[in-house]
């Protein structure tokens, strides 16, 4: 089951995602940047439709405002062959949500709670990685690996 869902470029919805700090659960998206037999390099998307910082939201893709890179996706823009789109304008920020995660950590989820929403293109992943690597908040332990993944796309 994990082999089918956790593939490079997959946009996955986790229903009832369990937060690491133990403070409840809610539905959450993740993007699989890459994976091997042991780990998945993922973005637990810090998506929000709330533009509390009044960030520019004119252009699809990467923007940097005040040293904060973010990836903007307009509502109803189809992201791939499955024609998935977010219902609201969506901002993806890069903080401690970019990580290398052991595949076994996903075993706690019932397979019906892991839902493949879209297969993102390599071009989309490359744009996302390029934006992500502008962040000062990326864990230095995996930054080199992410650069290598971007170069292989």
Foldseek 3Di string as FASTA:
>chain_A
DCVVQQAAQWWKWFAQDQDPVRPGGGIWIKHFNHDDPWKTFIFRWPKDLDPPVVDDADDAAWDADPLWIKGWFAAQCQQADLRDGHNGIIIGGAAVRGDIGTSVVCVVGDPVRIGGRHRGDLVVSLRVLVRNLSHPRDDPVCSVVSVVSSVVD
